[in-house]
Amino acid sequence: MDERWGLTPMVKVEVVVSGEDAQVVTDLFSTAGAVGFTAVANVSGVGHGGAHQGRLAFNDRNALALLMVVLPPAGVDRLLDGLRSLLAERPGVLFVSDTYVSRPEYFR
């Protein structure tokens, strides 16, 4: 990354889980020190178990949710431990990537 841009390195964590597990994930985000997150409900996709539609059946607990958070690198280990424990027992996928932000104070 070009230092002239003035961006700060962070870690982005994205999780796709069933709606019924979304609250557990957001609780883990908070425990890891996140001051905010982004949630996209009713996501669609094709995965290991086939196609998943983004529309609601009867409630938001039956649909998939995409949850995203950006944290300083120091806060990631605890979050990943919790997410990996959850995903060992429940369906979902986890993506972790390096990212850069222009306003690091928004993420601390």
Protein backbone atom coordinates (compact mmCIF):
# COMPACT_ATOMS: atom_id res chain seq x y z
CA MET A 1 0.00 0.00 0.00
CA ASP A 2 1.34 3.40 -0.92
CA GLU A 3 1.93 5.36 2.31
CA ARG A 4 1.16 8.60 0.48
CA TRP A 5 -2.50 7.65 0.56
CA GLY A 6 -2.55 8.00 4.34
CA LEU A 7 -4.58 4.85 4.93
CA THR A 8 -4.44 2.71 8.06
CA PRO A 9 -4.24 -1.10 7.89
CA MET A 10 -7.16 -3.00 9.43
CA VAL A 11 -8.75 -6.44 9.08
CA LYS A 12 -12.15 -7.02 7.48
CA VAL A 13 -14.19 -10.02 8.61
CA GLU A 14 -17.24 -11.12 6.63
CA VAL A 15 -19.56 -13.89 7.77
CA VAL A 16 -22.56 -15.46 6.05
CA VAL A 17 -24.82 -17.29 8.50
CA SER A 18 -28.45 -18.18 8.93
CA GLY A 19 -30.60 -15.39 10.32
CA GLU A 20 -31.00 -17.26 13.57
CA ASP A 21 -27.21 -17.04 14.14
CA ALA A 22 -26.87 -13.36 13.20
CA GLN A 23 -27.29 -12.14 16.79
CA VAL A 24 -24.57 -14.49 18.01
CA VAL A 25 -22.21 -13.07 15.37
CA THR A 26 -22.99 -9.45 16.24
CA ASP A 27 -22.45 -10.25 19.92
CA LEU A 28 -19.04 -11.68 19.01
CA PHE A 29 -18.29 -8.49 17.05
CA SER A 30 -19.06 -6.41 20.15
CA THR A 31 -17.02 -8.65 22.42
CA ALA A 32 -14.05 -8.22 20.06
CA GLY A 33 -14.28 -4.45 20.48
CA ALA A 34 -16.07 -3.49 17.28
CA VAL A 35 -17.81 -0.14 17.52
CA GLY A 36 -20.02 -0.86 14.51
CA PHE A 37 -20.77 -3.38 11.78
CA THR A 38 -22.73 -3.80 8.57
CA ALA A 39 -25.52 -6.36 8.17
CA VAL A 40 -27.20 -7.34 4.92
CA ALA A 41 -30.26 -9.52 5.45
CA ASN A 42 -31.80 -11.95 2.98
CA VAL A 43 -28.70 -12.62 0.88
CA SER A 44 -28.75 -15.15 -1.95
CA GLY A 45 -26.06 -17.44 -3.25
CA VAL A 46 -25.00 -20.89 -4.29
CA GLY A 47 -22.84 -22.85 -1.93
CA HIS A 48 -21.97 -26.25 -0.59
CA GLY A 49 -25.60 -27.06 0.12
CA GLY A 50 -26.96 -25.70 -3.17
CA ALA A 51 -28.84 -22.50 -3.92
CA HIS A 52 -30.08 -20.20 -1.18
CA GLN A 53 -32.74 -17.62 -1.98
CA GLY A 54 -32.71 -14.19 -0.40
CA ARG A 55 -36.40 -13.78 0.15
CA LEU A 56 -38.09 -14.19 3.51
CA ALA A 57 -40.07 -17.34 4.08
CA PHE A 58 -41.93 -16.53 7.29
CA ASN A 59 -39.36 -14.58 9.28
CA ASP A 60 -35.80 -13.27 9.10
CA ARG A 61 -34.45 -16.25 11.02
CA ASN A 62 -34.89 -18.57 8.01
CA ALA A 63 -32.93 -16.36 5.59
CA LEU A 64 -29.18 -15.87 5.26
CA ALA A 65 -27.40 -12.79 6.60
CA LEU A 66 -24.07 -11.26 5.56
CA LEU A 67 -22.35 -9.53 8.47
CA MET A 68 -19.21 -7.45 8.03
CA VAL A 69 -16.89 -5.75 10.50
CA VAL A 70 -13.56 -3.94 10.31
CA LEU A 71 -11.22 -4.12 13.29
CA PRO A 72 -7.66 -3.20 14.20
CA PRO A 73 -5.47 -6.31 13.85
CA ALA A 74 -5.16 -6.64 17.64
CA GLY A 75 -8.89 -7.38 18.01
CA VAL A 76 -9.16 -10.13 15.43
CA ASP A 77 -7.84 -13.23 17.23
CA ARG A 78 -10.59 -13.27 19.85
CA LEU A 79 -13.27 -12.73 17.20
CA LEU A 80 -11.97 -15.50 14.97
CA ASP A 81 -11.84 -17.94 17.89
CA GLY A 82 -15.53 -17.30 18.58
CA LEU A 83 -16.57 -17.42 14.93
CA ARG A 84 -14.68 -20.65 14.28
CA SER A 85 -16.35 -22.24 17.30
CA LEU A 86 -19.77 -21.17 16.02
CA LEU A 87 -19.11 -22.36 12.48
CA ALA A 88 -17.82 -25.73 13.71
CA GLU A 89 -21.39 -26.46 14.82
CA ARG A 90 -23.52 -24.33 12.48
CA PRO A 91 -23.66 -23.68 8.72
CA GLY A 92 -21.95 -20.57 7.39
CA VAL A 93 -18.82 -19.20 5.76
CA LEU A 94 -16.11 -16.88 7.00
CA PHE A 95 -13.87 -14.53 5.00
CA VAL A 96 -10.96 -12.58 6.49
CA SER A 97 -8.95 -10.03 4.53
CA ASP A 98 -6.53 -7.18 5.03
CA THR A 99 -8.04 -3.81 4.27
CA TYR A 100 -7.17 -0.13 4.64
CA VAL A 101 -9.32 2.68 6.00
CA SER A 102 -9.17 6.43 5.68
CA ARG A 103 -10.70 7.19 9.10
CA PRO A 104 -9.20 4.78 11.64
CA GLU A 105 -10.86 6.59 14.55
CA TYR A 106 -14.20 5.22 13.30
CA PHE A 107 -13.01 1.68 14.02
CA ARG A 108 -11.50 2.06 17.50
